[in-house]
Structures are given as C-alpha cells and as structure tokens.
C-alpha cells in the first residue's frame, strides 16, 4: 500500500493537463504484483535502511516496469488485449496515448530516482550509482536488447542459449537492478552486493520460466491476461523449446539456485519466502 499511495502522489493528476495522458499513466501502473518496488524496499530493509526512505526509488522501478508492459502489449509487439485483468492501455485509450504514457513513465522513473538524493539518508553518490545501473539494465545492453531478440526469435529457430539471453536481459536484469538499488542506497559493501546479485539473477530467471509455464498451462482467470499467446506468436519459451515437463525441471534447478543464494543474504527469511512464492505462483 505504501507504493500505491506514493505512486498516486507522484504521478500527474487527471485534469492537470487538457489531455488523457495523466489518466493513461495511472491506468498503466494500476494492479500488478509490485515485485520490483518490493525488492528495492526489502533489500534496503535487510541492510538496515527504513523502507519509507527508499520509496522514490521503489516507485521509479515500478514506473519503468509498467512502461515496458505497455510497450509489450502494443499491436506492433504482442498485440495483447488484457493486462492485470484490465483492458490493455492501447485499447482503453488509443495506441498513440499508450505509447506516450509509457514514454512518460520511463522518463519519470529517472526523475523519481533523482529525487532520492533529496533524502539525507541516501547520499548523492549512492543515488547516482542506482541511476547509472538502471539506465544500463533497461537500455541496449539489457531490457531493450532482450526484447529485440525476443521479437526476432519469433521468426527463426532459437536455442536454449538464446532463451537464457532473452530472459536474463528482458526480465532478470531489472529484478537484479531493483534488488541492488535497495542495498546500494543502504550502503551495502561489495561482498553483500555480489550475494544480492547472485540471488536476484536466479530469481529473475525463475520468474520468467514460471511465467512461460503459466502461459502454457494456466487460465486467463488466474493470470488476468490471455493464455497461450506465447505459442500462438511463436515466442521463444522453455515450454516451447523443451516441453512443459522439461521446463518444470529447469525451473526447479533455478529455484534451487535462488534458495541456496537466499541463505547467504542478510535477513534470510523474506528472501527464502519470495523464491518459494515465485515457484508456487499461479498468476
């Protein structure tokens, strides 16, 4: 609820401008699991920093994530009708408004991170490191290149190495970056950051494999979005390449990595619980 309230304060209010943009931005961030802001907040708390201190950064990560979902849903990419059980943004408004709302969220995500420097508990050098890492993980050496290969792989044969490249860049890197951001803002040392990175990489890969499995085996009511879309579009997925049972075995292997890494983290219980939730989730 902290994150929802903070997002409501940070986003432009409908009526502030004579456009649909504020309402569209709010539609884009409504719903979802709030995983990335949770990672920022929990990593900071595990390293001794009060959760409310890092809310600007937590909101910035959620804005970035939601913007990528809006782009994913556009007709030129996945052409999805639903997101989080609601009408996809480009259908609730229109394609141009959806594109602009996502662009606005990306830009505002960096504004949120910059505002983190206004907190005396988080010195500017730590904030600058978070800004740099977010730009790197979301740009052409991270999320965007993962999305590019995801699209290209629809039209040609792909390998397990391609799959891992897509999943690590498109999904895992933002999860890693959110986790590291909370720890960085709390002043974690290099060894602790390395342990958080190892855990979050496994968690991010696990999250995407289970997402692929849910698309192949879940229901629209559970997921709040259409199922079977990956297979219909020829997407590169573990179930598509290996079959459902082999993909489940791969998920179990990655889950074991995440659980082992969690045991080396400060404040171990929340990290173990999160990995167990990702394995068992049905949405």
C-alpha atoms as a PDB file:
ATOM      1  CA  UNK A   1       0.000   0.000   0.000  1.00  0.00           C
ATOM      2  CA  UNK A   2       2.952   2.311   0.635  1.00  0.00           C
ATOM      3  CA  UNK A   3       3.948   2.006  -3.014  1.00  0.00           C
ATOM      4  CA  UNK A   4       0.399   2.526  -4.310  1.00  0.00           C
ATOM      5  CA  UNK A   5      -0.002   5.658  -2.177  1.00  0.00           C
ATOM      6  CA  UNK A   6       3.385   7.007  -3.240  1.00  0.00           C
ATOM      7  CA  UNK A   7       2.633   6.389  -6.924  1.00  0.00           C
ATOM      8  CA  UNK A   8      -0.670   8.244  -6.530  1.00  0.00           C
ATOM      9  CA  UNK A   9       1.228  11.241  -5.107  1.00  0.00           C
ATOM     10  CA  UNK A  10       3.979  11.199  -7.725  1.00  0.00           C
ATOM     11  CA  UNK A  11       2.006  10.733 -10.928  1.00  0.00           C
ATOM     12  CA  UNK A  12       0.293  13.712 -12.592  1.00  0.00           C
ATOM     13  CA  UNK A  13      -3.341  14.136 -11.610  1.00  0.00           C
ATOM     14  CA  UNK A  14      -6.096  13.778 -14.219  1.00  0.00           C
ATOM     15  CA  UNK A  15      -7.306  17.266 -15.010  1.00  0.00           C
ATOM     16  CA  UNK A  16      -3.891  18.871 -14.510  1.00  0.00           C
ATOM     17  CA  UNK A  17      -3.500  18.984 -18.285  1.00  0.00           C
ATOM     18  CA  UNK A  18      -6.138  19.037 -21.052  1.00  0.00           C
ATOM     19  CA  UNK A  19      -5.061  15.564 -22.237  1.00  0.00           C
ATOM     20  CA  UNK A  20      -5.734  11.928 -21.382  1.00  0.00           C
ATOM     21  CA  UNK A  21      -2.062  11.371 -20.529  1.00  0.00           C
ATOM     22  CA  UNK A  22      -2.325  11.504 -16.692  1.00  0.00           C
ATOM     23  CA  UNK A  23      -5.254   9.063 -16.658  1.00  0.00           C
ATOM     24  CA  UNK A  24      -3.394   6.752 -19.053  1.00  0.00           C
ATOM     25  CA  UNK A  25      -0.257   6.764 -16.879  1.00  0.00           C
ATOM     26  CA  UNK A  26      -2.341   5.845 -13.845  1.00  0.00           C
ATOM     27  CA  UNK A  27      -4.093   3.071 -15.766  1.00  0.00           C
ATOM     28  CA  UNK A  28      -0.665   1.687 -16.696  1.00  0.00           C
ATOM     29  CA  UNK A  29       0.558   1.391 -13.098  1.00  0.00           C
ATOM     30  CA  UNK A  30      -2.708   0.124 -11.610  1.00  0.00           C
ATOM     31  CA  UNK A  31      -2.513  -3.507 -10.469  1.00  0.00           C
ATOM     32  CA  UNK A  32       0.322  -5.984 -10.676  1.00  0.00           C
ATOM     33  CA  UNK A  33       2.449  -7.734  -8.076  1.00  0.00           C
ATOM     34  CA  UNK A  34       4.717  -4.747  -7.221  1.00  0.00           C
ATOM     35  CA  UNK A  35       7.669  -7.155  -7.215  1.00  0.00           C
ATOM     36  CA  UNK A  36      10.324  -4.648  -8.214  1.00  0.00           C
ATOM     37  CA  UNK A  37       9.427  -1.999  -5.603  1.00  0.00           C
ATOM     38  CA  UNK A  38       9.241  -4.790  -3.013  1.00  0.00           C
ATOM     39  CA  UNK A  39      12.795  -5.797  -3.936  1.00  0.00           C
ATOM     40  CA  UNK A  40      14.060  -2.226  -3.513  1.00  0.00           C
ATOM     41  CA  UNK A  41      12.354  -1.860  -0.146  1.00  0.00           C
ATOM     42  CA  UNK A  42      13.259  -5.309   1.190  1.00  0.00           C
ATOM     43  CA  UNK A  43      16.917  -5.087   0.161  1.00  0.00           C
ATOM     44  CA  UNK A  44      17.189  -1.691   1.848  1.00  0.00           C
ATOM     45  CA  UNK A  45      15.480  -3.029   4.988  1.00  0.00           C
ATOM     46  CA  UNK A  46      17.694  -6.128   5.050  1.00  0.00           C
ATOM     47  CA  UNK A  47      20.709  -3.794   5.054  1.00  0.00           C
ATOM     48  CA  UNK A  48      19.344  -1.592   7.826  1.00  0.00           C
ATOM     49  CA  UNK A  49      17.581   1.252   5.986  1.00  0.00           C
ATOM     50  CA  UNK A  50      13.951   2.085   6.815  1.00  0.00           C
ATOM     51  CA  UNK A  51      11.580   1.142   3.964  1.00  0.00           C
ATOM     52  CA  UNK A  52       9.898   4.552   3.654  1.00  0.00           C
ATOM     53  CA  UNK A  53      13.250   6.162   2.882  1.00  0.00           C
ATOM     54  CA  UNK A  54      13.601   4.404  -0.487  1.00  0.00           C
ATOM     55  CA  UNK A  55      10.022   4.886  -1.725  1.00  0.00           C
ATOM     56  CA  UNK A  56      11.062   7.293  -4.527  1.00  0.00           C
ATOM     57  CA  UNK A  57      13.404   4.661  -5.970  1.00  0.00           C
ATOM     58  CA  UNK A  58      10.864   1.867  -5.446  1.00  0.00           C
ATOM     59  CA  UNK A  59       8.277   3.883  -7.393  1.00  0.00           C
ATOM     60  CA  UNK A  60      10.798   4.617 -10.126  1.00  0.00           C
ATOM     61  CA  UNK A  61      11.371   0.917 -10.704  1.00  0.00           C
ATOM     62  CA  UNK A  62       7.640   0.230 -10.836  1.00  0.00           C
ATOM     63  CA  UNK A  63       7.138   3.010 -13.389  1.00  0.00           C
ATOM     64  CA  UNK A  64       9.902   1.604 -15.574  1.00  0.00           C
ATOM     65  CA  UNK A  65       8.475  -1.918 -15.359  1.00  0.00           C
ATOM     66  CA  UNK A  66       4.910  -0.807 -16.127  1.00  0.00           C
ATOM     67  CA  UNK A  67       6.120   1.222 -19.107  1.00  0.00           C
ATOM     68  CA  UNK A  68       7.726  -1.888 -20.602  1.00  0.00           C
ATOM     69  CA  UNK A  69       4.447  -3.790 -20.192  1.00  0.00           C
ATOM     70  CA  UNK A  70       2.555  -1.085 -22.082  1.00  0.00           C
ATOM     71  CA  UNK A  71       5.088  -1.349 -24.906  1.00  0.00           C
ATOM     72  CA  UNK A  72       4.845  -5.173 -24.844  1.00  0.00           C
ATOM     73  CA  UNK A  73       1.063  -5.029 -25.248  1.00  0.00           C
ATOM     74  CA  UNK A  74       1.069  -2.744 -28.306  1.00  0.00           C
ATOM     75  CA  UNK A  75      -0.190  -4.234 -31.596  1.00  0.00           C
ATOM     76  CA  UNK A  76       3.278  -3.950 -33.139  1.00  0.00           C
ATOM     77  CA  UNK A  77       4.744  -6.267 -30.461  1.00  0.00           C
ATOM     78  CA  UNK A  78       2.423  -8.695 -28.600  1.00  0.00           C
ATOM     79  CA  UNK A  79      -0.977  -7.206 -29.532  1.00  0.00           C
ATOM     80  CA  UNK A  80      -2.447  -8.094 -26.116  1.00  0.00           C
ATOM     81  CA  UNK A  81      -5.997  -7.270 -25.053  1.00  0.00           C
ATOM     82  CA  UNK A  82      -5.634  -7.627 -21.272  1.00  0.00           C
ATOM     83  CA  UNK A  83      -3.103  -6.700 -18.596  1.00  0.00           C
ATOM     84  CA  UNK A  84      -3.610  -7.379 -14.883  1.00  0.00           C
ATOM     85  CA  UNK A  85      -7.207  -8.364 -15.612  1.00  0.00           C
ATOM     86  CA  UNK A  86      -7.974  -4.999 -17.186  1.00  0.00           C
ATOM     87  CA  UNK A  87      -8.193  -3.723 -20.744  1.00  0.00           C
ATOM     88  CA  UNK A  88      -4.728  -3.128 -22.178  1.00  0.00           C
ATOM     89  CA  UNK A  89      -3.818   0.548 -22.258  1.00  0.00           C
ATOM     90  CA  UNK A  90      -3.808   0.953 -26.052  1.00  0.00           C
ATOM     91  CA  UNK A  91      -7.411  -0.353 -26.126  1.00  0.00           C
ATOM     92  CA  UNK A  92      -8.587   1.558 -23.047  1.00  0.00           C
ATOM     93  CA  UNK A  93      -7.294   4.765 -24.666  1.00  0.00           C
ATOM     94  CA  UNK A  94      -5.549   4.531 -28.059  1.00  0.00           C
ATOM     95  CA  UNK A  95      -2.169   3.491 -29.410  1.00  0.00           C
ATOM     96  CA  UNK A  96      -0.653   6.958 -29.500  1.00  0.00           C
ATOM     97  CA  UNK A  97      -1.698   7.715 -25.920  1.00  0.00           C
ATOM     98  CA  UNK A  98      -0.370   4.344 -24.756  1.00  0.00           C
ATOM     99  CA  UNK A  99       2.988   4.960 -26.406  1.00  0.00           C
ATOM    100  CA  UNK A 100       3.274   8.446 -24.927  1.00  0.00           C
ATOM    101  CA  UNK A 101       2.166   7.279 -21.459  1.00  0.00           C
ATOM    102  CA  UNK A 102       4.845   4.577 -21.456  1.00  0.00           C
ATOM    103  CA  UNK A 103       7.477   7.089 -22.594  1.00  0.00           C
ATOM    104  CA  UNK A 104       6.376   9.469 -19.838  1.00  0.00           C
ATOM    105  CA  UNK A 105       6.650   6.713 -17.223  1.00  0.00           C
ATOM    106  CA  UNK A 106      10.198   5.864 -18.329  1.00  0.00           C
ATOM    107  CA  UNK A 107      11.248   9.496 -18.040  1.00  0.00           C
ATOM    108  CA  UNK A 108       9.508   9.940 -14.705  1.00  0.00           C
ATOM    109  CA  UNK A 109      11.193   6.801 -13.367  1.00  0.00           C
ATOM    110  CA  UNK A 110      14.534   8.595 -13.617  1.00  0.00           C
ATOM    111  CA  UNK A 111      13.032  11.693 -12.008  1.00  0.00           C
ATOM    112  CA  UNK A 112      11.998   9.511  -9.065  1.00  0.00           C
ATOM    113  CA  UNK A 113      15.489   8.093  -8.690  1.00  0.00           C
ATOM    114  CA  UNK A 114      16.981  11.593  -8.858  1.00  0.00           C
ATOM    115  CA  UNK A 115      14.599  12.729  -6.113  1.00  0.00           C
ATOM    116  CA  UNK A 116      16.045  10.004  -3.888  1.00  0.00           C
ATOM    117  CA  UNK A 117      19.072  12.283  -3.440  1.00  0.00           C
ATOM    118  CA  UNK A 118      16.838  14.699  -1.503  1.00  0.00           C
ATOM    119  CA  UNK A 119      16.766  12.191   1.374  1.00  0.00           C
ATOM    120  CA  UNK A 120      19.663  12.766   3.815  1.00  0.00           C
ATOM    121  CA  UNK A 121      19.899   9.007   4.485  1.00  0.00           C
ATOM    122  CA  UNK A 122      20.826   8.284   0.838  1.00  0.00           C
ATOM    123  CA  UNK A 123      23.872  10.299  -0.282  1.00  0.00           C
ATOM    124  CA  UNK A 124      24.040  11.504  -3.905  1.00  0.00           C
ATOM    125  CA  UNK A 125      26.891   9.139  -4.838  1.00  0.00           C
ATOM    126  CA  UNK A 126      24.718   6.130  -3.964  1.00  0.00           C
ATOM    127  CA  UNK A 127      21.782   7.571  -5.891  1.00  0.00           C
ATOM    128  CA  UNK A 128      23.991   8.225  -8.908  1.00  0.00           C
ATOM    129  CA  UNK A 129      25.106   4.590  -8.917  1.00  0.00           C
ATOM    130  CA  UNK A 130      21.450   3.483  -8.930  1.00  0.00           C
ATOM    131  CA  UNK A 131      20.619   5.840 -11.810  1.00  0.00           C
ATOM    132  CA  UNK A 132      23.555   4.535 -13.850  1.00  0.00           C
ATOM    133  CA  UNK A 133      22.685   0.894 -13.184  1.00  0.00           C
ATOM    134  CA  UNK A 134      19.010   1.402 -14.089  1.00  0.00           C
ATOM    135  CA  UNK A 135      19.959   3.091 -17.363  1.00  0.00           C
ATOM    136  CA  UNK A 136      22.339   0.242 -18.162  1.00  0.00           C
ATOM    137  CA  UNK A 137      19.933  -2.590 -17.293  1.00  0.00           C
ATOM    138  CA  UNK A 138      16.999  -1.002 -19.153  1.00  0.00           C
ATOM    139  CA  UNK A 139      18.902   0.060 -22.267  1.00  0.00           C
ATOM    140  CA  UNK A 140      20.642  -1.554 -25.243  1.00  0.00           C
ATOM    141  CA  UNK A 141      22.767  -3.805 -23.022  1.00  0.00           C
ATOM    142  CA  UNK A 142      19.770  -5.030 -21.024  1.00  0.00           C
ATOM    143  CA  UNK A 143      16.000  -4.996 -21.246  1.00  0.00           C
ATOM    144  CA  UNK A 144      15.777  -3.490 -24.751  1.00  0.00           C
ATOM    145  CA  UNK A 145      18.190  -5.945 -26.359  1.00  0.00           C
ATOM    146  CA  UNK A 146      16.345  -8.803 -24.633  1.00  0.00           C
ATOM    147  CA  UNK A 147      13.075  -7.550 -26.094  1.00  0.00           C
ATOM    148  CA  UNK A 148      14.690  -7.182 -29.520  1.00  0.00           C
ATOM    149  CA  UNK A 149      15.874 -10.800 -29.570  1.00  0.00           C
ATOM    150  CA  UNK A 150      12.507 -11.938 -28.196  1.00  0.00           C
ATOM    151  CA  UNK A 151      10.839 -10.376 -31.248  1.00  0.00           C
ATOM    152  CA  UNK A 152      13.448 -11.626 -33.729  1.00  0.00           C
ATOM    153  CA  UNK A 153      13.247 -15.189 -32.360  1.00  0.00           C
ATOM    154  CA  UNK A 154       9.582 -15.374 -33.398  1.00  0.00           C
ATOM    155  CA  UNK A 155      10.751 -15.657 -37.000  1.00  0.00           C
ATOM    156  CA  UNK A 156      13.630 -18.125 -36.784  1.00  0.00           C
ATOM    157  CA  UNK A 157      14.770 -21.218 -34.872  1.00  0.00           C
ATOM    158  CA  UNK A 158      16.176 -20.477 -31.420  1.00  0.00           C
ATOM    159  CA  UNK A 159      18.411 -22.265 -28.929  1.00  0.00           C
ATOM    160  CA  UNK A 160      18.486 -22.579 -25.159  1.00  0.00           C
ATOM    161  CA  UNK A 161      21.329 -20.036 -25.187  1.00  0.00           C
ATOM    162  CA  UNK A 162      19.006 -17.605 -26.994  1.00  0.00           C
ATOM    163  CA  UNK A 163      16.327 -18.257 -24.373  1.00  0.00           C
ATOM    164  CA  UNK A 164      18.677 -17.542 -21.490  1.00  0.00           C
ATOM    165  CA  UNK A 165      19.909 -14.354 -23.175  1.00  0.00           C
ATOM    166  CA  UNK A 166      16.330 -13.154 -23.671  1.00  0.00           C
ATOM    167  CA  UNK A 167      15.209 -13.992 -20.131  1.00  0.00           C
ATOM    168  CA  UNK A 168      18.279 -12.594 -18.391  1.00  0.00           C
ATOM    169  CA  UNK A 169      18.114  -9.318 -20.276  1.00  0.00           C
ATOM    170  CA  UNK A 170      14.369  -8.809 -20.704  1.00  0.00           C
ATOM    171  CA  UNK A 171      13.340  -9.879 -17.197  1.00  0.00           C
ATOM    172  CA  UNK A 172      16.163 -10.700 -14.806  1.00  0.00           C
ATOM    173  CA  UNK A 173      18.289  -7.573 -15.178  1.00  0.00           C
ATOM    174  CA  UNK A 174      15.560  -5.215 -13.933  1.00  0.00           C
ATOM    175  CA  UNK A 175      14.950  -7.549 -10.980  1.00  0.00           C
ATOM    176  CA  UNK A 176      18.687  -7.603 -10.240  1.00  0.00           C
ATOM    177  CA  UNK A 177      18.878  -3.829 -10.545  1.00  0.00           C
ATOM    178  CA  UNK A 178      15.945  -3.245  -8.182  1.00  0.00           C
ATOM    179  CA  UNK A 179      17.469  -5.537  -5.571  1.00  0.00           C
ATOM    180  CA  UNK A 180      20.897  -3.959  -5.874  1.00  0.00           C
ATOM    181  CA  UNK A 181      19.392  -0.459  -5.706  1.00  0.00           C
ATOM    182  CA  UNK A 182      17.912  -1.051  -2.261  1.00  0.00           C
ATOM    183  CA  UNK A 183      21.195  -2.484  -0.998  1.00  0.00           C
ATOM    184  CA  UNK A 184      23.269   0.289  -2.593  1.00  0.00           C
ATOM    185  CA  UNK A 185      21.110   3.006  -1.038  1.00  0.00           C
ATOM    186  CA  UNK A 186      21.591   1.336   2.342  1.00  0.00           C
ATOM    187  CA  UNK A 187      25.376   1.373   1.909  1.00  0.00           C
ATOM    188  CA  UNK A 188      25.938  -2.371   1.399  1.00  0.00           C
ATOM    189  CA  UNK A 189      29.538  -3.417   0.793  1.00  0.00           C
ATOM    190  CA  UNK A 190      30.770  -5.117  -2.387  1.00  0.00           C
ATOM    191  CA  UNK A 191      30.533  -8.639  -0.976  1.00  0.00           C
ATOM    192  CA  UNK A 192      26.926  -8.150   0.108  1.00  0.00           C
ATOM    193  CA  UNK A 193      26.042  -6.634  -3.262  1.00  0.00           C
ATOM    194  CA  UNK A 194      27.550  -9.657  -5.001  1.00  0.00           C
ATOM    195  CA  UNK A 195      25.387 -12.011  -2.931  1.00  0.00           C
ATOM    196  CA  UNK A 196      22.255  -9.981  -3.713  1.00  0.00           C
ATOM    197  CA  UNK A 197      23.176 -10.042  -7.401  1.00  0.00           C
ATOM    198  CA  UNK A 198      23.570 -13.826  -7.441  1.00  0.00           C
ATOM    199  CA  UNK A 199      20.208 -14.297  -5.733  1.00  0.00           C
ATOM    200  CA  UNK A 200      18.349 -11.809  -7.922  1.00  0.00           C
ATOM    201  CA  UNK A 201      19.734 -13.250 -11.165  1.00  0.00           C
ATOM    202  CA  UNK A 202      18.378 -16.672 -10.225  1.00  0.00           C
ATOM    203  CA  UNK A 203      15.084 -15.157  -9.051  1.00  0.00           C
ATOM    204  CA  UNK A 204      14.654 -13.201 -12.282  1.00  0.00           C
ATOM    205  CA  UNK A 205      15.322 -16.220 -14.477  1.00  0.00           C
ATOM    206  CA  UNK A 206      12.981 -18.311 -12.321  1.00  0.00           C
ATOM    207  CA  UNK A 207      10.267 -15.661 -12.603  1.00  0.00           C
ATOM    208  CA  UNK A 208      10.392 -15.728 -16.404  1.00  0.00           C
ATOM    209  CA  UNK A 209      10.446 -19.520 -16.685  1.00  0.00           C
ATOM    210  CA  UNK A 210       7.406 -19.788 -14.414  1.00  0.00           C
ATOM    211  CA  UNK A 211       5.734 -17.011 -16.434  1.00  0.00           C
ATOM    212  CA  UNK A 212       6.280 -19.055 -19.606  1.00  0.00           C
ATOM    213  CA  UNK A 213       4.888 -22.149 -17.879  1.00  0.00           C
ATOM    214  CA  UNK A 214       1.816 -20.274 -16.681  1.00  0.00           C
ATOM    215  CA  UNK A 215       1.147 -19.028 -20.214  1.00  0.00           C
ATOM    216  CA  UNK A 216       1.305 -22.640 -21.393  1.00  0.00           C
ATOM    217  CA  UNK A 217      -0.682 -24.253 -18.558  1.00  0.00           C
ATOM    218  CA  UNK A 218      -2.646 -21.558 -16.671  1.00  0.00           C
ATOM    219  CA  UNK A 219      -6.027 -19.927 -17.247  1.00  0.00           C
ATOM    220  CA  UNK A 220      -6.999 -16.399 -18.204  1.00  0.00           C
ATOM    221  CA  UNK A 221      -8.923 -16.048 -14.933  1.00  0.00           C
ATOM    222  CA  UNK A 222      -5.794 -16.868 -12.922  1.00  0.00           C
ATOM    223  CA  UNK A 223      -3.405 -14.676 -14.901  1.00  0.00           C
ATOM    224  CA  UNK A 224      -5.599 -11.692 -15.732  1.00  0.00           C
ATOM    225  CA  UNK A 225      -4.334 -11.825 -19.325  1.00  0.00           C
ATOM    226  CA  UNK A 226      -4.770 -14.163 -22.307  1.00  0.00           C
ATOM    227  CA  UNK A 227      -3.053 -17.575 -22.118  1.00  0.00           C
ATOM    228  CA  UNK A 228      -1.466 -19.473 -24.969  1.00  0.00           C
ATOM    229  CA  UNK A 229      -0.297 -16.202 -26.501  1.00  0.00           C
ATOM    230  CA  UNK A 230       3.366 -17.239 -26.497  1.00  0.00           C
ATOM    231  CA  UNK A 231       2.750 -20.378 -28.540  1.00  0.00           C
ATOM    232  CA  UNK A 232       0.384 -18.561 -30.908  1.00  0.00           C
ATOM    233  CA  UNK A 233       3.018 -15.894 -31.589  1.00  0.00           C
ATOM    234  CA  UNK A 234       5.884 -18.370 -31.880  1.00  0.00           C
ATOM    235  CA  UNK A 235       7.632 -16.830 -28.862  1.00  0.00           C
ATOM    236  CA  UNK A 236      10.909 -18.254 -27.581  1.00  0.00           C
ATOM    237  CA  UNK A 237       9.977 -20.061 -24.349  1.00  0.00           C
ATOM    238  CA  UNK A 238      11.221 -23.025 -22.340  1.00  0.00           C
ATOM    239  CA  UNK A 239       7.957 -24.964 -22.766  1.00  0.00           C
ATOM    240  CA  UNK A 240       8.088 -24.247 -26.490  1.00  0.00           C
ATOM    241  CA  UNK A 241      11.668 -25.489 -26.842  1.00  0.00           C
ATOM    242  CA  UNK A 242      11.861 -28.255 -24.241  1.00  0.00           C
ATOM    243  CA  UNK A 243       8.257 -29.153 -23.454  1.00  0.00           C
ATOM    244  CA  UNK A 244       6.328 -28.452 -20.243  1.00  0.00           C
ATOM    245  CA  UNK A 245       7.863 -31.166 -18.073  1.00  0.00           C
ATOM    246  CA  UNK A 246      11.444 -30.340 -19.025  1.00  0.00           C
ATOM    247  CA  UNK A 247      10.693 -26.648 -18.448  1.00  0.00           C
ATOM    248  CA  UNK A 248       9.400 -27.515 -14.971  1.00  0.00           C
ATOM    249  CA  UNK A 249      12.642 -29.383 -14.257  1.00  0.00           C
ATOM    250  CA  UNK A 250      14.614 -26.354 -15.438  1.00  0.00           C
ATOM    251  CA  UNK A 251      12.542 -24.127 -13.137  1.00  0.00           C
ATOM    252  CA  UNK A 252      13.284 -26.469 -10.218  1.00  0.00           C
ATOM    253  CA  UNK A 253      17.015 -26.231 -10.911  1.00  0.00           C
ATOM    254  CA  UNK A 254      16.918 -22.438 -10.997  1.00  0.00           C
ATOM    255  CA  UNK A 255      14.740 -22.373  -7.864  1.00  0.00           C
ATOM    256  CA  UNK A 256      17.375 -24.420  -6.041  1.00  0.00           C
ATOM    257  CA  UNK A 257      19.971 -21.827  -7.055  1.00  0.00           C
ATOM    258  CA  UNK A 258      17.805 -18.991  -5.760  1.00  0.00           C
ATOM    259  CA  UNK A 259      17.099 -20.733  -2.443  1.00  0.00           C
ATOM    260  CA  UNK A 260      20.782 -21.543  -1.917  1.00  0.00           C
ATOM    261  CA  UNK A 261      21.732 -17.916  -2.637  1.00  0.00           C
ATOM    262  CA  UNK A 262      19.000 -16.636  -0.288  1.00  0.00           C
ATOM    263  CA  UNK A 263      20.608 -18.429   2.637  1.00  0.00           C
ATOM    264  CA  UNK A 264      23.697 -16.212   2.303  1.00  0.00           C
ATOM    265  CA  UNK A 265      21.737 -12.969   2.460  1.00  0.00           C
ATOM    266  CA  UNK A 266      21.146 -10.758   5.478  1.00  0.00           C
ATOM    267  CA  UNK A 267      17.627 -11.173   6.905  1.00  0.00           C
ATOM    268  CA  UNK A 268      17.260 -14.500   5.121  1.00  0.00           C
ATOM    269  CA  UNK A 269      13.568 -15.339   5.700  1.00  0.00           C
ATOM    270  CA  UNK A 270      11.937 -12.809   3.321  1.00  0.00           C
ATOM    271  CA  UNK A 271      14.266 -13.865   0.504  1.00  0.00           C
ATOM    272  CA  UNK A 272      13.526 -17.548   1.004  1.00  0.00           C
ATOM    273  CA  UNK A 273       9.791 -16.820   1.105  1.00  0.00           C
ATOM    274  CA  UNK A 274       9.970 -14.776  -2.088  1.00  0.00           C
ATOM    275  CA  UNK A 275      11.728 -17.544  -4.029  1.00  0.00           C
ATOM    276  CA  UNK A 276       9.179 -20.066  -2.759  1.00  0.00           C
ATOM    277  CA  UNK A 277       6.337 -17.753  -3.825  1.00  0.00           C
ATOM    278  CA  UNK A 278       7.713 -17.441  -7.363  1.00  0.00           C
ATOM    279  CA  UNK A 279       7.889 -21.228  -7.678  1.00  0.00           C
ATOM    280  CA  UNK A 280       4.328 -21.734  -6.450  1.00  0.00           C
ATOM    281  CA  UNK A 281       2.608 -18.695  -8.005  1.00  0.00           C
ATOM    282  CA  UNK A 282      -0.464 -19.118 -10.187  1.00  0.00           C
ATOM    283  CA  UNK A 283      -0.614 -15.559 -11.531  1.00  0.00           C
END
